[in-house]
Structure formats: structure tokens, C-alpha cells
Amino acid sequence: LRGLDLGKTALEEIWSRYPQMTEHQVRSVLGSVLLTGEAVYKKVSVLSGGEKAKLAFAVLMLQRGNVLLLDEPTNHLDLSSKEVLEEALQEYEGTVLMVSHDRYMLNRVPDFIMEFTGSGVETYKGGYDDYLAEKERRKNKTAQQLEQKPNVPAKAANTGGYRTRQQKNEEIKRRQLLKETEKRIAE
């Protein structure tokens, strides 16, 4: 939203960036984000927060980038605008990195969810409901492992010298998971 010229109309904002487009093409792009009628002739400075967000999405669509960074993209949008945005993001072929509290959108759009914790990054395949289910599954698995683990004297556990086969295998699994996570982030 910061890159919009407050002195221009919504129509002029697009046209100044893409002067080769006809008025019909510009209005079609604005219409695709549900910015229609007299709203296209309003100055950006008087547009509502939702209308400014729609205009910013129209600009993003025309830029055809391969990475979108979105911070709370559904704030200020009405229900129909949210649906249009969700459909556009589902069809988008690039990478979308999004921060959102919109659980409905987080169930429809992402392929995986990343959770940043004090101990690192956890990734979960699927949408928000999948994230919650997998998080619960991991929590239960950890609890079961702790119940099954024999008590090890504190001194032996902290020496860092001798490690059991199970500890070595767990370390290998952690390293593989780290590599997979880094690969997914790079993708």
C-alpha cells in the first residue's frame, strides 16, 4: 500500500504504471479485484483500506512476480473480496509467503505452514486444520517416547561422550529433517 500515489485516481495509478493498456483493460484489471464503478475515479487518498488493498493487489497482479510476501492480506477486505483473493492465490504459480490470522484462508491457500519457535522452524504439510492435527500428533508421539524412555542418570546424559544407537539414529533423523526443511524453504 505504501507504493501507491495518493494524488492519483485508482485508474490513473494503474495507467501510469502500464501506459500501453487501454482504459478498458485497466478497468478490467480493477474489476477483477472488485474495484468497480465510481471507485476507479476516486483519489487513492480517499479510498477505504479495503479499496486500497484491492488496488495494491491489482498492481501486484500486473507485475507478475514469482514471489509474493503478504502480511495479513485479508485485513480490510469484505467477504467477496477475500474469496477473489483466495482464488487468485490458489491459481498463482509462484511462491507465496503469507502471515495471516484468517483461518479460513489458511485452510484454503497454503501447501504447508511454517511455525517459528524458540528452538527453530517446524513445517507442517497442508492447511491450518492439517497443522493443528499434525501438531497434536507430534505432541502425543513425543509424550509416548518420553514415557517409554528409560531413566538415564543426569551425569551420563550430559557428558556428550558415549551415545546409544537410538540417540545416533535420532540425530541422523534430525539432520535429515533439517535438510528437508531447508530444501522446502529454498523452493
Protein backbone atom coordinates (compact mmCIF):
# COMPACT_ATOMS: atom_id res chain seq x y z
CA LEU A 1 0.00 0.00 0.00
CA ARG A 2 2.94 2.31 0.62
CA GLY A 3 3.90 2.48 -3.06
CA LEU A 4 0.58 3.95 -4.18
CA ASP A 5 0.44 7.60 -5.26
CA LEU A 6 -2.20 9.24 -3.06
CA GLY A 7 -2.75 12.06 -5.56
CA LYS A 8 -3.82 9.79 -8.42
CA THR A 9 -7.11 8.05 -9.02
CA ALA A 10 -7.21 4.26 -8.95
CA LEU A 11 -7.47 4.28 -12.75
CA GLU A 12 -4.51 6.67 -13.09
CA GLU A 13 -2.41 4.59 -10.67
CA ILE A 14 -2.60 1.58 -12.97
CA TRP A 15 -2.41 3.59 -16.16
CA SER A 16 0.73 5.46 -15.06
CA ARG A 17 2.46 2.12 -14.44
CA TYR A 18 1.17 0.49 -17.66
CA PRO A 19 0.57 3.30 -20.21
CA GLN A 20 0.25 0.81 -23.07
CA MET A 21 -3.00 -0.54 -21.62
CA THR A 22 -6.36 0.73 -22.84
CA GLU A 23 -8.92 2.14 -20.43
CA HIS A 24 -10.99 -1.00 -20.96
CA GLN A 25 -8.01 -3.20 -19.99
CA VAL A 26 -7.26 -1.12 -16.88
CA ARG A 27 -10.92 -1.20 -15.82
CA SER A 28 -10.97 -4.99 -16.39
CA VAL A 29 -7.97 -5.44 -14.10
CA LEU A 30 -9.58 -3.24 -11.45
CA GLY A 31 -12.85 -5.12 -11.91
CA SER A 32 -11.08 -8.43 -11.37
CA VAL A 33 -10.26 -7.28 -7.83
CA LEU A 34 -13.81 -5.93 -7.38
CA LEU A 35 -12.83 -2.26 -7.67
CA THR A 36 -15.58 -1.00 -9.98
CA GLY A 37 -17.93 1.86 -10.78
CA GLU A 38 -17.13 5.27 -9.42
CA ALA A 39 -14.44 3.85 -7.13
CA VAL A 40 -11.99 3.76 -10.05
CA TYR A 41 -12.25 7.58 -10.30
CA LYS A 42 -11.61 8.20 -6.58
CA LYS A 43 -8.25 9.54 -5.47
CA VAL A 44 -6.16 6.89 -3.75
CA SER A 45 -6.06 9.15 -0.67
CA VAL A 46 -9.84 8.82 -0.17
CA LEU A 47 -10.13 5.10 -0.91
CA SER A 48 -11.07 2.91 2.06
CA GLY A 49 -8.49 0.49 3.45
CA GLY A 50 -10.16 -2.35 1.56
CA GLU A 51 -10.21 -0.42 -1.71
CA LYS A 52 -6.53 0.46 -1.33
CA ALA A 53 -5.76 -3.22 -0.70
CA LYS A 54 -7.69 -4.16 -3.86
CA LEU A 55 -5.73 -1.58 -5.85
CA ALA A 56 -2.45 -2.90 -4.44
CA PHE A 57 -3.46 -6.45 -5.45
CA ALA A 58 -4.24 -5.21 -8.96
CA VAL A 59 -0.74 -3.71 -9.17
CA LEU A 60 0.77 -6.99 -7.88
CA MET A 61 -1.17 -8.99 -10.47
CA LEU A 62 0.20 -6.85 -13.28
CA GLN A 63 3.78 -7.09 -12.02
CA ARG A 64 3.68 -10.86 -12.49
CA GLY A 65 6.39 -11.54 -9.90
CA ASN A 66 7.28 -15.06 -8.87
CA VAL A 67 7.28 -14.37 -5.11
CA LEU A 68 4.59 -12.65 -3.06
CA LEU A 69 5.17 -11.59 0.54
CA LEU A 70 1.80 -10.92 2.16
CA ASP A 71 1.25 -9.60 5.66
CA GLU A 72 -2.38 -10.04 6.75
CA PRO A 73 -3.67 -9.77 3.16
CA THR A 74 -7.35 -10.14 4.08
CA ASN A 75 -7.44 -7.22 6.53
CA HIS A 76 -9.91 -4.56 5.35
CA LEU A 77 -11.42 -6.88 2.71
CA ASP A 78 -15.08 -7.81 2.54
CA LEU A 79 -16.13 -11.45 2.13
CA SER A 80 -16.43 -11.40 -1.66
CA SER A 81 -13.02 -9.72 -2.00
CA LYS A 82 -11.47 -12.34 0.29
CA GLU A 83 -12.89 -15.09 -1.93
CA VAL A 84 -11.46 -13.44 -5.07
CA LEU A 85 -8.06 -13.10 -3.37
CA GLU A 86 -8.11 -16.74 -2.23
CA GLU A 87 -8.92 -17.94 -5.75
CA ALA A 88 -6.18 -15.76 -7.23
CA LEU A 89 -3.62 -17.05 -4.73
CA GLN A 90 -4.65 -20.66 -5.39
CA GLU A 91 -4.08 -20.11 -9.11
CA TYR A 92 -0.81 -18.20 -8.59
CA GLU A 93 2.12 -20.27 -9.84
CA GLY A 94 4.84 -18.52 -7.89
CA THR A 95 5.75 -18.69 -4.21
CA VAL A 96 3.53 -17.05 -1.62
CA LEU A 97 4.89 -16.35 1.85
CA MET A 98 1.97 -15.15 3.92
CA VAL A 99 1.36 -14.13 7.51
CA SER A 100 -2.32 -14.31 8.39
CA HIS A 101 -4.78 -14.87 11.20
CA ASP A 102 -7.55 -15.69 8.72
CA ARG A 103 -8.05 -19.38 9.49
CA TYR A 104 -10.45 -19.91 6.61
CA MET A 105 -7.86 -18.61 4.15
CA LEU A 106 -5.11 -20.60 5.86
CA ASN A 107 -7.14 -23.75 5.22
CA ARG A 108 -7.68 -23.00 1.55
CA VAL A 109 -4.46 -21.48 0.22
CA PRO A 110 -1.21 -22.86 1.71
CA ASP A 111 0.52 -26.10 0.75
CA PHE A 112 2.34 -26.07 4.07
CA ILE A 113 2.55 -23.98 7.22
CA MET A 114 5.74 -22.94 8.96
CA GLU A 115 5.82 -22.29 12.68
CA PHE A 116 8.73 -20.30 14.05
CA THR A 117 9.57 -21.35 17.60
CA GLY A 118 12.34 -20.57 20.05
CA SER A 119 14.08 -23.80 19.03
CA GLY A 120 13.76 -23.41 15.25
CA VAL A 121 11.26 -23.78 12.44
CA GLU A 122 8.64 -26.51 12.27
CA THR A 123 6.89 -27.25 8.99
CA TYR A 124 3.50 -28.84 8.55
CA LYS A 125 2.09 -30.06 5.24
CA GLY A 126 -1.37 -28.77 4.31
CA GLY A 127 -3.59 -26.02 5.67
CA TYR A 128 -4.40 -24.78 9.14
CA ASP A 129 -6.54 -27.75 10.21
CA ASP A 130 -3.81 -30.12 8.99
CA TYR A 131 -1.30 -28.08 11.01
CA LEU A 132 -3.36 -28.42 14.19
CA ALA A 133 -3.85 -32.16 13.69
CA GLU A 134 -0.17 -32.81 12.97
CA LYS A 135 0.93 -30.65 15.88
CA GLU A 136 -1.30 -32.71 18.20
CA ARG A 137 0.03 -35.95 16.68
CA ARG A 138 3.65 -34.83 17.24
CA LYS A 139 2.85 -33.80 20.80
CA ASN A 140 1.32 -37.21 21.54
CA LYS A 141 4.25 -39.01 19.89
CA THR A 142 6.74 -37.05 22.00
CA ALA A 143 4.76 -37.83 25.15
CA GLN A 144 4.77 -41.55 24.28
CA GLN A 145 8.52 -41.50 23.63
CA LEU A 146 9.16 -39.83 26.98
CA GLU A 147 7.06 -42.46 28.75
CA GLN A 148 9.00 -45.27 27.07
CA LYS A 149 12.46 -43.78 27.60
CA PRO A 150 14.43 -45.37 30.45
CA ASN A 151 15.72 -43.06 33.14
CA VAL A 152 19.29 -42.05 32.39
CA PRO A 153 21.40 -40.57 35.14
CA ALA A 154 21.82 -36.83 34.60
CA LYS A 155 25.62 -37.01 34.57
CA ALA A 156 25.73 -39.67 31.84
CA ALA A 157 23.20 -37.80 29.69
CA ASN A 158 25.13 -34.53 29.79
CA THR A 159 28.64 -35.80 29.13
CA GLY A 160 28.23 -35.77 25.35
CA GLY A 161 30.62 -38.70 25.03
CA TYR A 162 29.00 -42.10 24.61
CA ARG A 163 25.75 -42.15 22.62
CA THR A 164 23.42 -45.09 22.14
CA ARG A 165 22.42 -46.36 18.71
CA GLN A 166 18.98 -44.84 19.26
CA GLN A 167 20.49 -41.43 20.06
CA LYS A 168 22.63 -41.60 16.92
CA ASN A 169 19.60 -42.55 14.81
CA GLU A 170 17.60 -39.68 16.30
CA GLU A 171 20.44 -37.28 15.46
CA ILE A 172 20.50 -38.56 11.85
CA LYS A 173 16.72 -38.09 11.61
CA ARG A 174 17.00 -34.55 12.97
CA ARG A 175 19.69 -33.70 10.41
CA GLN A 176 17.60 -35.18 7.56
CA LEU A 177 14.55 -33.21 8.70
CA LEU A 178 16.66 -30.05 8.82
CA LYS A 179 17.92 -30.65 5.26
CA GLU A 180 14.37 -31.30 4.02
CA THR A 181 13.10 -28.15 5.72
CA GLU A 182 15.90 -26.05 4.25
CA LYS A 183 15.16 -27.50 0.81
CA ARG A 184 11.44 -26.65 1.14
CA ILE A 185 12.29 -23.11 2.25
CA ALA A 186 14.61 -22.70 -0.74
CA GLU A 187 11.89 -23.95 -3.07
